[in-house]
Amino acid sequence: MRYAVTRIRPEVGGLPKVLAGIEAAVTGNGFAGKLLGCFTAEIGALNQVLILQGYEDDRALAEDRARQVVEGSLFGAAEHFLEVETTTYAPFDFVAPLAPGKHGPVYEIRIYGVKAAGLKPTMDLWRAAVPERAKVSPLLGAMYALDGALPRFLHIWPFASLNDRMAKRAEAVERGIWPPKGGPAHLTSLSSAIYLPTAFSPLS
């Protein structure tokens, strides 16, 4: 299983046109991959669209990536794009594949940089800690990057609201079950953004 996470930065004021183009493109069966989610940034770097796609094999992923590079308009409305960036991820082997459905509507997406040779011990610590942490609020997805700045990983946490997020995170910290003990020692950077699903996002 592979995931492609594409970040699009539209021209200022161009978000509605970009979303209309993306919806037409991803629902028109022009992709080898499956659309899992499409989100807009609410807190963090604004004026951003995040597209999450799933692939059963590397060949299908490579086909879509090559088409996007050559054609430049696979997501539609490319004339309104200022920036497009796609990263390939592989899932943590103990986290279930992403499944469409209503999980949010508030999604926190975090990206952590990891020290060299720190990804494997980080995954081991998460493997041990996630089951108890998930009793407070679910971890929807966790995946490590296969290209770009390495090593780093992305994780997705859905919440019913921003207040729900604050309460659940505070509870996990207060109970001492999160972050994983020893985990922060392997990290080099942390970023977080809040996203909301678009009307056509399978993850809602």
Protein backbone atom coordinates (compact mmCIF):
# COMPACT_ATOMS: atom_id res chain seq x y z
CA MET A 1 0.00 0.00 0.00
CA ARG A 2 1.21 3.48 -0.87
CA TYR A 3 -0.22 6.93 -0.25
CA ALA A 4 0.27 10.08 -2.29
CA VAL A 5 -0.23 13.33 -0.40
CA THR A 6 -0.49 16.34 -2.69
CA ARG A 7 -0.45 19.89 -1.42
CA ILE A 8 -1.75 22.58 -3.76
CA ARG A 9 -1.39 26.29 -3.09
CA PRO A 10 -3.93 28.18 -5.22
CA GLU A 11 -3.57 31.77 -6.29
CA VAL A 12 -5.17 34.10 -3.77
CA GLY A 13 -8.91 34.13 -4.41
CA GLY A 14 -8.67 31.07 -6.64
CA LEU A 15 -9.66 28.39 -4.11
CA PRO A 16 -13.26 27.90 -5.37
CA LYS A 17 -12.06 27.38 -8.95
CA VAL A 18 -9.32 25.03 -7.81
CA LEU A 19 -11.73 22.91 -5.76
CA ALA A 20 -14.17 22.72 -8.67
CA GLY A 21 -11.35 21.56 -10.93
CA ILE A 22 -10.13 18.98 -8.44
CA GLU A 23 -13.62 17.59 -7.91
CA ALA A 24 -14.16 17.17 -11.65
CA ALA A 25 -10.74 15.57 -12.07
CA VAL A 26 -10.83 13.10 -9.18
CA THR A 27 -14.39 11.98 -9.85
CA GLY A 28 -13.74 11.52 -13.56
CA ASN A 29 -11.76 8.28 -13.10
CA GLY A 30 -8.62 9.82 -14.56
CA PHE A 31 -6.45 8.48 -11.76
CA ALA A 32 -4.97 5.06 -11.15
CA GLY A 33 -5.19 5.76 -7.42
CA LYS A 34 -8.24 6.00 -5.18
CA LEU A 35 -9.28 9.35 -3.74
CA LEU A 36 -9.33 9.07 0.05
CA GLY A 37 -9.60 12.68 1.12
CA CYS A 38 -9.53 16.29 0.00
CA PHE A 39 -9.13 19.01 2.60
CA THR A 40 -8.67 22.75 2.92
CA ALA A 41 -6.44 24.34 5.54
CA GLU A 42 -8.24 26.00 8.43
CA ILE A 43 -5.39 26.61 10.89
CA GLY A 44 -1.72 26.67 9.93
CA ALA A 45 -0.45 27.68 6.49
CA LEU A 46 -3.65 28.96 4.88
CA ASN A 47 -4.87 28.86 1.27
CA GLN A 48 -3.81 25.23 0.93
CA VAL A 49 -5.55 22.15 -0.45
CA LEU A 50 -4.45 18.68 0.62
CA ILE A 51 -5.34 15.65 -1.51
CA LEU A 52 -4.85 12.13 -0.16
CA GLN A 53 -4.83 9.17 -2.57
CA GLY A 54 -4.27 5.46 -2.03
CA TYR A 55 -2.48 3.04 -4.35
CA GLU A 56 -2.28 -0.72 -4.30
CA ASP A 57 1.14 -0.84 -5.95
CA ASP A 58 4.09 1.31 -6.98
CA ARG A 59 3.36 0.97 -10.70
CA ALA A 60 -0.03 2.68 -10.45
CA LEU A 61 1.49 5.40 -8.31
CA ALA A 62 4.31 5.97 -10.80
CA GLU A 63 1.81 6.23 -13.66
CA ASP A 64 -0.14 8.99 -11.93
CA ARG A 65 2.99 10.85 -10.86
CA ALA A 66 4.42 10.76 -14.40
CA ARG A 67 1.16 12.01 -15.89
CA GLN A 68 0.97 14.84 -13.39
CA VAL A 69 4.54 15.93 -14.17
CA VAL A 70 4.13 15.74 -17.95
CA GLU A 71 0.56 17.00 -18.31
CA GLY A 72 0.58 19.35 -15.34
CA SER A 73 -3.21 19.49 -15.18
CA LEU A 74 -4.20 16.12 -13.77
CA PHE A 75 -5.98 17.85 -10.88
CA GLY A 76 -7.72 20.36 -13.16
CA ALA A 77 -7.66 24.17 -12.94
CA ALA A 78 -3.86 24.16 -13.06
CA GLU A 79 -3.89 27.74 -14.31
CA HIS A 80 -4.91 28.74 -10.78
CA PHE A 81 -2.08 26.82 -9.04
CA LEU A 82 0.88 28.66 -7.56
CA GLU A 83 2.53 25.55 -6.17
CA VAL A 84 2.04 21.78 -6.26
CA GLU A 85 3.97 19.29 -4.14
CA THR A 86 3.42 15.53 -3.89
CA THR A 87 5.02 13.17 -1.38
CA THR A 88 4.84 9.38 -1.42
CA TYR A 89 4.25 7.59 1.88
CA ALA A 90 4.20 4.01 3.13
CA PRO A 91 1.92 3.15 6.08
CA PHE A 92 3.11 2.16 9.52
CA ASP A 93 2.53 -1.59 9.45
CA PHE A 94 0.44 -1.65 12.63
CA VAL A 95 -2.04 1.05 11.54
CA ALA A 96 -5.14 0.03 9.56
CA PRO A 97 -5.43 1.32 5.98
CA LEU A 98 -7.27 4.59 5.61
CA ALA A 99 -10.96 3.98 5.04
CA PRO A 100 -13.48 6.55 3.74
CA GLY A 101 -16.15 7.60 6.19
CA LYS A 102 -17.19 10.26 8.66
CA HIS A 103 -14.41 10.62 11.20
CA GLY A 104 -14.10 14.39 11.68
CA PRO A 105 -15.02 16.93 10.64
CA VAL A 106 -11.83 18.38 12.16
CA TYR A 107 -8.62 16.72 10.99
CA GLU A 108 -5.25 17.44 12.52
CA ILE A 109 -2.36 16.45 10.27
CA ARG A 110 1.09 16.44 11.80
CA ILE A 111 4.46 15.94 10.12
CA TYR A 112 7.49 15.07 12.24
CA GLY A 113 11.10 15.08 11.15
CA VAL A 114 13.17 12.24 12.58
CA LYS A 115 16.87 11.84 13.32
CA ALA A 116 18.89 9.57 11.04
CA ALA A 117 18.22 5.93 12.01
CA GLY A 118 15.45 7.15 14.29
CA LEU A 119 12.41 6.02 12.31
CA LYS A 120 12.50 2.34 13.29
CA PRO A 121 12.71 2.99 17.05
CA THR A 122 10.02 5.66 16.68
CA MET A 123 7.70 3.17 14.99
CA ASP A 124 8.40 0.60 17.71
CA LEU A 125 7.52 3.12 20.42
CA TRP A 126 4.34 4.11 18.60
CA ARG A 127 3.40 0.45 18.12
CA ALA A 128 3.47 0.01 21.89
CA ALA A 129 1.76 3.29 22.80
CA VAL A 130 -0.94 3.75 20.16
CA PRO A 131 -3.43 1.11 21.42
CA GLU A 132 -3.85 2.91 24.75
CA ARG A 133 -3.76 6.36 23.12
CA ALA A 134 -6.44 5.31 20.63
CA LYS A 135 -8.85 4.67 23.50
CA VAL A 136 -8.88 8.45 24.05
CA SER A 137 -9.22 9.37 20.37
CA PRO A 138 -8.42 7.39 17.25
CA LEU A 139 -5.28 7.59 15.16
CA LEU A 140 -6.67 7.52 11.63
CA GLY A 141 -3.40 7.17 9.77
CA ALA A 142 0.37 7.10 10.22
CA MET A 143 2.85 6.86 7.36
CA TYR A 144 6.51 7.53 6.61
CA ALA A 145 7.80 9.48 3.62
CA LEU A 146 9.64 7.71 0.80
CA ASP A 147 10.90 10.84 -0.94
CA GLY A 148 11.84 14.42 -0.15
CA ALA A 149 13.51 15.28 3.16
CA LEU A 150 14.07 11.99 5.02
CA PRO A 151 13.27 10.53 7.43
CA ARG A 152 9.93 12.03 8.37
CA PHE A 153 6.42 10.78 8.99
CA LEU A 154 2.85 12.05 8.83
CA HIS A 155 -0.03 11.20 11.15
CA ILE A 156 -3.73 12.05 11.00
CA TRP A 157 -6.02 12.58 13.99
CA PRO A 158 -9.76 13.23 13.50
CA PHE A 159 -11.83 15.13 16.04
CA ALA A 160 -15.45 16.20 16.41
CA SER A 161 -14.41 19.82 17.01
CA LEU A 162 -11.46 22.00 18.02
CA ASN A 163 -12.64 21.84 21.63
CA ASP A 164 -12.77 18.04 21.37
CA ARG A 165 -9.19 18.07 20.10
CA MET A 166 -7.97 20.17 23.02
CA ALA A 167 -9.78 18.00 25.56
CA LYS A 168 -8.59 14.67 24.12
CA ARG A 169 -4.98 15.77 23.77
CA ALA A 170 -4.97 17.15 27.32
CA GLU A 171 -6.40 13.89 28.65
CA ALA A 172 -3.76 11.79 26.88
CA VAL A 173 -0.94 13.94 28.26
CA GLU A 174 -2.43 14.06 31.76
CA ARG A 175 -2.75 10.28 31.86
CA GLY A 176 0.86 9.91 30.73
CA ILE A 177 0.00 7.77 27.72
CA TRP A 178 1.10 10.27 25.07
CA PRO A 179 3.52 11.11 23.61
CA PRO A 180 5.20 7.70 23.62
CA LYS A 181 7.85 7.57 26.33
CA GLY A 182 11.23 8.18 24.73
CA GLY A 183 9.66 9.17 21.42
CA PRO A 184 10.53 12.89 21.39
CA ALA A 185 14.25 12.05 21.68
CA HIS A 186 14.20 10.80 18.08
CA LEU A 187 12.49 13.86 16.58
CA THR A 188 14.03 16.89 14.86
CA SER A 189 10.99 18.96 13.86
CA LEU A 190 7.24 19.08 14.39
CA SER A 191 4.51 20.75 12.37
CA SER A 192 0.75 20.67 12.72
CA ALA A 193 -2.18 21.99 10.70
CA ILE A 194 -5.94 21.74 11.00
CA TYR A 195 -7.89 20.76 7.88
CA LEU A 196 -11.56 20.54 7.05
CA PRO A 197 -12.92 18.10 4.43
CA THR A 198 -14.36 19.40 1.18
CA ALA A 199 -17.91 18.49 0.17
CA PHE A 200 -16.63 15.70 -2.08
CA SER A 201 -14.02 14.24 0.28
CA PRO A 202 -14.54 10.52 1.06
CA LEU A 203 -13.00 11.23 4.47
CA SER A 204 -15.46 13.61 6.10
